[in-house]
Amino acid sequence: MERIIVDSLKCLDLSGIAVPMAVIYDHPEDVPGKYVVRIWEAASGKPTNIEMRKDSLQECRDRILEAGIFHAGVPAGPKDDPAIVET
């Protein structure tokens, strides 16, 4: 599936995602130079192909909160990918 990289989460049409979730990654292996916010379908437990890339963790948090449809700040769990910072 081809990735859709967006600059903002405010313009996303998430109507096809039952329970959208924004997950922040700290320089994941596939995008080592950036923090990445990936939109997940929480009901299925799988990521979608939508992501946003930023230079700082705080910028990711700010953009998530700006979108008004997500809440940030739940720390990664012990079984999560080690690159995940929070959801």
PDB file of N, CA and C in Angstrom:
ATOM      1  N   MET A   1       0.846  -1.171   0.000  1.00  0.00           N
ATOM      2  CA  MET A   1       0.000   0.000   0.000  1.00  0.00           C
ATOM      3  C   MET A   1       0.901   1.246   0.000  1.00  0.00           C
ATOM      4  N   GLU A   2       0.633   2.162  -0.891  1.00  0.00           N
ATOM      5  CA  GLU A   2       1.427   3.380  -0.986  1.00  0.00           C
ATOM      6  C   GLU A   2       1.102   4.320   0.176  1.00  0.00           C
ATOM      7  N   ARG A   3       2.132   4.923   0.742  1.00  0.00           N
ATOM      8  CA  ARG A   3       1.938   5.842   1.868  1.00  0.00           C
ATOM      9  C   ARG A   3       1.379   7.175   1.400  1.00  0.00           C
ATOM     10  N   ILE A   4       0.536   7.735   2.220  1.00  0.00           N
ATOM     11  CA  ILE A   4       0.035   9.088   2.000  1.00  0.00           C
ATOM     12  C   ILE A   4       0.676   9.943   3.083  1.00  0.00           C
ATOM     13  N   ILE A   5       1.536  10.866   2.682  1.00  0.00           N
ATOM     14  CA  ILE A   5       2.241  11.721   3.637  1.00  0.00           C
ATOM     15  C   ILE A   5       1.582  13.090   3.621  1.00  0.00           C
ATOM     16  N   VAL A   6       1.093  13.508   4.786  1.00  0.00           N
ATOM     17  CA  VAL A   6       0.397  14.788   4.905  1.00  0.00           C
ATOM     18  C   VAL A   6       1.200  15.733   5.794  1.00  0.00           C
ATOM     19  N   ASP A   7       0.970  17.027   5.617  1.00  0.00           N
ATOM     20  CA  ASP A   7       1.647  18.024   6.434  1.00  0.00           C
ATOM     21  C   ASP A   7       0.831  18.373   7.680  1.00  0.00           C
ATOM     22  N   SER A   8      -0.464  18.126   7.604  1.00  0.00           N
ATOM     23  CA  SER A   8      -1.367  18.449   8.704  1.00  0.00           C
ATOM     24  C   SER A   8      -2.399  17.335   8.830  1.00  0.00           C
ATOM     25  N   LEU A   9      -2.890  17.129  10.035  1.00  0.00           N
ATOM     26  CA  LEU A   9      -3.937  16.136  10.264  1.00  0.00           C
ATOM     27  C   LEU A   9      -5.322  16.759  10.195  1.00  0.00           C
ATOM     28  N   LYS A  10      -5.387  18.083  10.129  1.00  0.00           N
ATOM     29  CA  LYS A  10      -6.671  18.779  10.147  1.00  0.00           C
ATOM     30  C   LYS A  10      -7.524  18.490   8.915  1.00  0.00           C
ATOM     31  N   CYS A  11      -6.895  18.226   7.789  1.00  0.00           N
ATOM     32  CA  CYS A  11      -7.642  18.072   6.542  1.00  0.00           C
ATOM     33  C   CYS A  11      -7.994  16.625   6.220  1.00  0.00           C
ATOM     34  N   LEU A  12      -7.689  15.703   7.096  1.00  0.00           N
ATOM     35  CA  LEU A  12      -7.920  14.291   6.808  1.00  0.00           C
ATOM     36  C   LEU A  12      -9.395  13.922   6.848  1.00  0.00           C
ATOM     37  N   ASP A  13      -9.803  13.099   5.892  1.00  0.00           N
ATOM     38  CA  ASP A  13     -11.132  12.506   5.915  1.00  0.00           C
ATOM     39  C   ASP A  13     -10.987  11.128   6.556  1.00  0.00           C
ATOM     40  N   LEU A  14     -11.377  11.022   7.796  1.00  0.00           N
ATOM     41  CA  LEU A  14     -11.236   9.775   8.540  1.00  0.00           C
ATOM     42  C   LEU A  14     -12.555   9.021   8.644  1.00  0.00           C
ATOM     43  N   SER A  15     -13.509   9.385   7.797  1.00  0.00           N
ATOM     44  CA  SER A  15     -14.840   8.781   7.883  1.00  0.00           C
ATOM     45  C   SER A  15     -14.833   7.276   7.643  1.00  0.00           C
ATOM     46  N   GLY A  16     -13.828   6.769   6.942  1.00  0.00           N
ATOM     47  CA  GLY A  16     -13.754   5.340   6.689  1.00  0.00           C
ATOM     48  C   GLY A  16     -13.024   4.552   7.762  1.00  0.00           C
ATOM     49  N   ILE A  17     -12.576   5.261   8.802  1.00  0.00           N
ATOM     50  CA  ILE A  17     -11.831   4.618   9.887  1.00  0.00           C
ATOM     51  C   ILE A  17     -12.709   4.654  11.138  1.00  0.00           C
ATOM     52  N   ALA A  18     -13.108   3.484  11.613  1.00  0.00           N
ATOM     53  CA  ALA A  18     -14.041   3.416  12.743  1.00  0.00           C
ATOM     54  C   ALA A  18     -13.478   4.086  13.996  1.00  0.00           C
ATOM     55  N   VAL A  19     -12.240   3.751  14.360  1.00  0.00           N
ATOM     56  CA  VAL A  19     -11.621   4.298  15.564  1.00  0.00           C
ATOM     57  C   VAL A  19     -10.202   4.758  15.204  1.00  0.00           C
ATOM     58  N   PRO A  20     -10.063   6.000  14.678  1.00  0.00           N
ATOM     59  CA  PRO A  20      -8.728   6.465  14.307  1.00  0.00           C
ATOM     60  C   PRO A  20      -7.874   6.780  15.531  1.00  0.00           C
ATOM     61  N   MET A  21      -6.608   6.527  15.402  1.00  0.00           N
ATOM     62  CA  MET A  21      -5.662   6.753  16.498  1.00  0.00           C
ATOM     63  C   MET A  21      -4.369   7.303  15.881  1.00  0.00           C
ATOM     64  N   ALA A  22      -3.790   8.328  16.487  1.00  0.00           N
ATOM     65  CA  ALA A  22      -2.525   8.894  16.024  1.00  0.00           C
ATOM     66  C   ALA A  22      -1.403   8.350  16.904  1.00  0.00           C
ATOM     67  N   VAL A  23      -0.431   7.682  16.286  1.00  0.00           N
ATOM     68  CA  VAL A  23       0.674   7.062  17.005  1.00  0.00           C
ATOM     69  C   VAL A  23       1.973   7.754  16.597  1.00  0.00           C
ATOM     70  N   ILE A  24       2.727   8.260  17.580  1.00  0.00           N
ATOM     71  CA  ILE A  24       3.975   8.974  17.310  1.00  0.00           C
ATOM     72  C   ILE A  24       5.161   8.031  17.435  1.00  0.00           C
ATOM     73  N   TYR A  25       6.001   8.035  16.392  1.00  0.00           N
ATOM     74  CA  TYR A  25       7.231   7.236  16.354  1.00  0.00           C
ATOM     75  C   TYR A  25       8.433   8.168  16.425  1.00  0.00           C
ATOM     76  N   ASP A  26       9.451   7.760  17.148  1.00  0.00           N
ATOM     77  CA  ASP A  26      10.705   8.503  17.261  1.00  0.00           C
ATOM     78  C   ASP A  26      11.713   7.924  16.273  1.00  0.00           C
ATOM     79  N   HIS A  27      11.857   8.598  15.138  1.00  0.00           N
ATOM     80  CA  HIS A  27      12.827   8.218  14.107  1.00  0.00           C
ATOM     81  C   HIS A  27      12.783   6.713  13.805  1.00  0.00           C
ATOM     82  N   PRO A  28      11.654   6.220  13.279  1.00  0.00           N
ATOM     83  CA  PRO A  28      11.552   4.788  12.976  1.00  0.00           C
ATOM     84  C   PRO A  28      12.547   4.370  11.894  1.00  0.00           C
ATOM     85  N   GLU A  29      12.817   3.094  11.818  1.00  0.00           N
ATOM     86  CA  GLU A  29      13.810   2.582  10.869  1.00  0.00           C
ATOM     87  C   GLU A  29      13.530   2.999   9.431  1.00  0.00           C
ATOM     88  N   ASP A  30      12.259   3.048   9.042  1.00  0.00           N
ATOM     89  CA  ASP A  30      11.927   3.384   7.659  1.00  0.00           C
ATOM     90  C   ASP A  30      11.939   4.885   7.370  1.00  0.00           C
ATOM     91  N   VAL A  31      11.990   5.717   8.421  1.00  0.00           N
ATOM     92  CA  VAL A  31      12.086   7.179   8.274  1.00  0.00           C
ATOM     93  C   VAL A  31      13.033   7.675   9.367  1.00  0.00           C
ATOM     94  N   PRO A  32      14.329   7.369   9.262  1.00  0.00           N
ATOM     95  CA  PRO A  32      15.251   7.635  10.371  1.00  0.00           C
ATOM     96  C   PRO A  32      15.495   9.102  10.700  1.00  0.00           C
ATOM     97  N   GLY A  33      15.198  10.014   9.807  1.00  0.00           N
ATOM     98  CA  GLY A  33      15.507  11.416  10.069  1.00  0.00           C
ATOM     99  C   GLY A  33      14.379  12.229  10.650  1.00  0.00           C
ATOM    100  N   LYS A  34      13.249  11.611  10.986  1.00  0.00           N
ATOM    101  CA  LYS A  34      12.070  12.366  11.415  1.00  0.00           C
ATOM    102  C   LYS A  34      11.300  11.652  12.518  1.00  0.00           C
ATOM    103  N   TYR A  35      10.469  12.423  13.197  1.00  0.00           N
ATOM    104  CA  TYR A  35       9.405  11.857  14.014  1.00  0.00           C
ATOM    105  C   TYR A  35       8.251  11.614  13.059  1.00  0.00           C
ATOM    106  N   VAL A  36       7.528  10.541  13.251  1.00  0.00           N
ATOM    107  CA  VAL A  36       6.442  10.181  12.339  1.00  0.00           C
ATOM    108  C   VAL A  36       5.171   9.934  13.137  1.00  0.00           C
ATOM    109  N   VAL A  37       4.078  10.534  12.673  1.00  0.00           N
ATOM    110  CA  VAL A  37       2.760  10.251  13.230  1.00  0.00           C
ATOM    111  C   VAL A  37       2.048   9.365  12.226  1.00  0.00           C
ATOM    112  N   ARG A  38       1.701   8.182  12.637  1.00  0.00           N
ATOM    113  CA  ARG A  38       0.980   7.248  11.769  1.00  0.00           C
ATOM    114  C   ARG A  38      -0.450   7.119  12.286  1.00  0.00           C
ATOM    115  N   ILE A  39      -1.392   7.159  11.363  1.00  0.00           N
ATOM    116  CA  ILE A  39      -2.794   6.984  11.728  1.00  0.00           C
ATOM    117  C   ILE A  39      -3.097   5.487  11.729  1.00  0.00           C
ATOM    118  N   TRP A  40      -3.595   5.026  12.848  1.00  0.00           N
ATOM    119  CA  TRP A  40      -3.954   3.615  13.029  1.00  0.00           C
ATOM    120  C   TRP A  40      -5.460   3.468  13.075  1.00  0.00           C
ATOM    121  N   GLU A  41      -5.923   2.294  12.716  1.00  0.00           N
ATOM    122  CA  GLU A  41      -7.314   1.890  12.909  1.00  0.00           C
ATOM    123  C   GLU A  41      -7.321   1.068  14.190  1.00  0.00           C
ATOM    124  N   ALA A  42      -7.705   1.698  15.278  1.00  0.00           N
ATOM    125  CA  ALA A  42      -7.618   1.038  16.586  1.00  0.00           C
ATOM    126  C   ALA A  42      -8.478  -0.215  16.662  1.00  0.00           C
ATOM    127  N   ALA A  43      -9.611  -0.210  15.981  1.00  0.00           N
ATOM    128  CA  ALA A  43     -10.504  -1.368  16.042  1.00  0.00           C
ATOM    129  C   ALA A  43      -9.848  -2.621  15.462  1.00  0.00           C
ATOM    130  N   SER A  44      -9.013  -2.433  14.427  1.00  0.00           N
ATOM    131  CA  SER A  44      -8.337  -3.584  13.818  1.00  0.00           C
ATOM    132  C   SER A  44      -6.929  -3.787  14.369  1.00  0.00           C
ATOM    133  N   GLY A  45      -6.412  -2.760  15.054  1.00  0.00           N
ATOM    134  CA  GLY A  45      -5.057  -2.841  15.594  1.00  0.00           C
ATOM    135  C   GLY A  45      -3.982  -2.749  14.524  1.00  0.00           C
ATOM    136  N   LYS A  46      -4.303  -2.077  13.409  1.00  0.00           N
ATOM    137  CA  LYS A  46      -3.352  -1.978  12.303  1.00  0.00           C
ATOM    138  C   LYS A  46      -3.204  -0.534  11.843  1.00  0.00           C
ATOM    139  N   PRO A  47      -1.998  -0.186  11.364  1.00  0.00           N
ATOM    140  CA  PRO A  47      -1.806   1.167  10.839  1.00  0.00           C
ATOM    141  C   PRO A  47      -2.466   1.313   9.468  1.00  0.00           C
ATOM    142  N   THR A  48      -2.879   2.528   9.165  1.00  0.00           N
ATOM    143  CA  THR A  48      -3.347   2.844   7.816  1.00  0.00           C
ATOM    144  C   THR A  48      -2.110   3.260   7.008  1.00  0.00           C
ATOM    145  N   ASN A  49      -2.308   3.763   5.833  1.00  0.00           N
ATOM    146  CA  ASN A  49      -1.189   4.238   5.014  1.00  0.00           C
ATOM    147  C   ASN A  49      -0.974   5.742   5.135  1.00  0.00           C
ATOM    148  N   ILE A  50      -1.606   6.376   6.122  1.00  0.00           N
ATOM    149  CA  ILE A  50      -1.514   7.829   6.303  1.00  0.00           C
ATOM    150  C   ILE A  50      -0.477   8.143   7.379  1.00  0.00           C
ATOM    151  N   GLU A  51       0.428   9.078   7.058  1.00  0.00           N
ATOM    152  CA  GLU A  51       1.414   9.504   8.059  1.00  0.00           C
ATOM    153  C   GLU A  51       1.796  10.963   7.862  1.00  0.00           C
ATOM    154  N   MET A  52       2.318  11.544   8.935  1.00  0.00           N
ATOM    155  CA  MET A  52       2.820  12.913   8.937  1.00  0.00           C
ATOM    156  C   MET A  52       4.232  12.864   9.504  1.00  0.00           C
ATOM    157  N   ARG A  53       5.150  13.600   8.904  1.00  0.00           N
ATOM    158  CA  ARG A  53       6.546  13.604   9.343  1.00  0.00           C
ATOM    159  C   ARG A  53       6.928  14.997   9.830  1.00  0.00           C
ATOM    160  N   LYS A  54       7.571  15.055  10.998  1.00  0.00           N
ATOM    161  CA  LYS A  54       7.982  16.331  11.589  1.00  0.00           C
ATOM    162  C   LYS A  54       9.375  16.200  12.191  1.00  0.00           C
ATOM    163  N   ASP A  55       9.991  17.354  12.479  1.00  0.00           N
ATOM    164  CA  ASP A  55      11.345  17.376  13.023  1.00  0.00           C
ATOM    165  C   ASP A  55      11.407  17.187  14.531  1.00  0.00           C
ATOM    166  N   SER A  56      10.303  17.460  15.233  1.00  0.00           N
ATOM    167  CA  SER A  56      10.354  17.358  16.698  1.00  0.00           C
ATOM    168  C   SER A  56       9.116  16.657  17.248  1.00  0.00           C
ATOM    169  N   LEU A  57       9.281  16.087  18.415  1.00  0.00           N
ATOM    170  CA  LEU A  57       8.179  15.445  19.120  1.00  0.00           C
ATOM    171  C   LEU A  57       7.094  16.468  19.447  1.00  0.00           C
ATOM    172  N   GLN A  58       7.508  17.648  19.892  1.00  0.00           N
ATOM    173  CA  GLN A  58       6.530  18.668  20.258  1.00  0.00           C
ATOM    174  C   GLN A  58       5.708  19.119  19.060  1.00  0.00           C
ATOM    175  N   GLU A  59       6.327  19.220  17.907  1.00  0.00           N
ATOM    176  CA  GLU A  59       5.584  19.590  16.702  1.00  0.00           C
ATOM    177  C   GLU A  59       4.530  18.525  16.367  1.00  0.00           C
ATOM    178  N   CYS A  60       4.882  17.263  16.541  1.00  0.00           N
ATOM    179  CA  CYS A  60       3.906  16.182  16.340  1.00  0.00           C
ATOM    180  C   CYS A  60       2.742  16.339  17.308  1.00  0.00           C
ATOM    181  N   ARG A  61       3.046  16.540  18.562  1.00  0.00           N
ATOM    182  CA  ARG A  61       1.991  16.693  19.569  1.00  0.00           C
ATOM    183  C   ARG A  61       1.091  17.874  19.243  1.00  0.00           C
ATOM    184  N   ASP A  62       1.707  19.005  18.857  1.00  0.00           N
ATOM    185  CA  ASP A  62       0.933  20.205  18.531  1.00  0.00           C
ATOM    186  C   ASP A  62      -0.004  19.961  17.354  1.00  0.00           C
ATOM    187  N   ARG A  63       0.473  19.304  16.315  1.00  0.00           N
ATOM    188  CA  ARG A  63      -0.342  19.036  15.120  1.00  0.00           C
ATOM    189  C   ARG A  63      -1.480  18.049  15.428  1.00  0.00           C
ATOM    190  N   ILE A  64      -1.219  17.093  16.299  1.00  0.00           N
ATOM    191  CA  ILE A  64      -2.270  16.157  16.705  1.00  0.00           C
ATOM    192  C   ILE A  64      -3.378  16.910  17.442  1.00  0.00           C
ATOM    193  N   LEU A  65      -2.997  17.741  18.383  1.00  0.00           N
ATOM    194  CA  LEU A  65      -3.992  18.492  19.156  1.00  0.00           C
ATOM    195  C   LEU A  65      -4.731  19.505  18.285  1.00  0.00           C
ATOM    196  N   GLU A  66      -4.030  20.109  17.320  1.00  0.00           N
ATOM    197  CA  GLU A  66      -4.639  21.049  16.385  1.00  0.00           C
ATOM    198  C   GLU A  66      -5.773  20.405  15.589  1.00  0.00           C
ATOM    199  N   ALA A  67      -5.605  19.151  15.254  1.00  0.00           N
ATOM    200  CA  ALA A  67      -6.607  18.454  14.452  1.00  0.00           C
ATOM    201  C   ALA A  67      -7.937  18.342  15.189  1.00  0.00           C
ATOM    202  N   GLY A  68      -7.890  18.340  16.517  1.00  0.00           N
ATOM    203  CA  GLY A  68      -9.108  18.338  17.309  1.00  0.00           C
ATOM    204  C   GLY A  68      -9.852  17.016  17.360  1.00  0.00           C
ATOM    205  N   ILE A  69      -9.290  15.964  16.804  1.00  0.00           N
ATOM    206  CA  ILE A  69      -9.982  14.686  16.807  1.00  0.00           C
ATOM    207  C   ILE A  69      -9.193  13.602  17.526  1.00  0.00           C
ATOM    208  N   PHE A  70      -8.006  13.962  17.962  1.00  0.00           N
ATOM    209  CA  PHE A  70      -7.137  13.015  18.651  1.00  0.00           C
ATOM    210  C   PHE A  70      -6.726  13.598  19.991  1.00  0.00           C
ATOM    211  N   HIS A  71      -6.364  12.735  20.907  1.00  0.00           N
ATOM    212  CA  HIS A  71      -5.757  13.142  22.158  1.00  0.00           C
ATOM    213  C   HIS A  71      -4.381  12.493  22.202  1.00  0.00           C
ATOM    214  N   ALA A  72      -3.393  13.235  22.630  1.00  0.00           N
ATOM    215  CA  ALA A  72      -2.027  12.704  22.670  1.00  0.00           C
ATOM    216  C   ALA A  72      -1.606  12.455  24.110  1.00  0.00           C
ATOM    217  N   GLY A  73      -0.598  11.633  24.270  1.00  0.00           N
ATOM    218  CA  GLY A  73       0.014  11.517  25.567  1.00  0.00           C
ATOM    219  C   GLY A  73      -0.029  10.165  26.242  1.00  0.00           C
ATOM    220  N   VAL A  74      -0.616   9.143  25.626  1.00  0.00           N
ATOM    221  CA  VAL A  74      -0.611   7.822  26.241  1.00  0.00           C
ATOM    222  C   VAL A  74       0.727   7.163  25.909  1.00  0.00           C
ATOM    223  N   PRO A  75       1.549   6.875  26.902  1.00  0.00           N
ATOM    224  CA  PRO A  75       2.879   6.300  26.631  1.00  0.00           C
ATOM    225  C   PRO A  75       2.784   4.933  25.954  1.00  0.00           C
ATOM    226  N   ALA A  76       3.828   4.604  25.223  1.00  0.00           N
ATOM    227  CA  ALA A  76       3.911   3.297  24.571  1.00  0.00           C
ATOM    228  C   ALA A  76       3.930   2.196  25.623  1.00  0.00           C
ATOM    229  N   GLY A  77       3.385   1.061  25.255  1.00  0.00           N
ATOM    230  CA  GLY A  77       3.362  -0.088  26.153  1.00  0.00           C
ATOM    231  C   GLY A  77       4.588  -0.962  25.963  1.00  0.00           C
ATOM    232  N   PRO A  78       4.825  -1.888  26.859  1.00  0.00           N
ATOM    233  CA  PRO A  78       6.020  -2.735  26.794  1.00  0.00           C
ATOM    234  C   PRO A  78       6.068  -3.640  25.560  1.00  0.00           C
ATOM    235  N   LYS A  79       4.935  -3.942  24.958  1.00  0.00           N
ATOM    236  CA  LYS A  79       4.908  -4.807  23.773  1.00  0.00           C
ATOM    237  C   LYS A  79       4.899  -4.018  22.458  1.00  0.00           C
ATOM    238  N   ASP A  80       4.861  -2.684  22.553  1.00  0.00           N
ATOM    239  CA  ASP A  80       4.828  -1.848  21.356  1.00  0.00           C
ATOM    240  C   ASP A  80       6.196  -1.813  20.681  1.00  0.00           C
ATOM    241  N   ASP A  81       6.180  -1.425  19.412  1.00  0.00           N
ATOM    242  CA  ASP A  81       7.418  -1.186  18.667  1.00  0.00           C
ATOM    243  C   ASP A  81       8.279  -0.222  19.492  1.00  0.00           C
ATOM    244  N   PRO A  82       9.581  -0.484  19.643  1.00  0.00           N
ATOM    245  CA  PRO A  82      10.440   0.382  20.453  1.00  0.00           C
ATOM    246  C   PRO A  82      10.514   1.830  19.949  1.00  0.00           C
ATOM    247  N   ALA A  83      10.173   2.061  18.694  1.00  0.00           N
ATOM    248  CA  ALA A  83      10.204   3.426  18.148  1.00  0.00           C
ATOM    249  C   ALA A  83       8.965   4.233  18.537  1.00  0.00           C
ATOM    250  N   ILE A  84       7.919   3.574  19.046  1.00  0.00           N
ATOM    251  CA  ILE A  84       6.702   4.298  19.418  1.00  0.00           C
ATOM    252  C   ILE A  84       6.960   5.071  20.720  1.00  0.00           C
ATOM    253  N   VAL A  85       6.606   6.363  20.657  1.00  0.00           N
ATOM    254  CA  VAL A  85       6.738   7.241  21.831  1.00  0.00           C
ATOM    255  C   VAL A  85       5.428   7.267  22.613  1.00  0.00           C
ATOM    256  N   GLU A  86       4.339   7.546  21.884  1.00  0.00           N
ATOM    257  CA  GLU A  86       3.037   7.671  22.539  1.00  0.00           C
ATOM    258  C   GLU A  86       1.932   7.605  21.509  1.00  0.00           C
ATOM    259  N   THR A  87       0.722   7.467  22.032  1.00  0.00           N
ATOM    260  CA  THR A  87      -0.464   7.428  21.200  1.00  0.00           C
ATOM    261  C   THR A  87      -1.383   8.557  21.619  1.00  0.00           C
TER     262      THR A  87
END
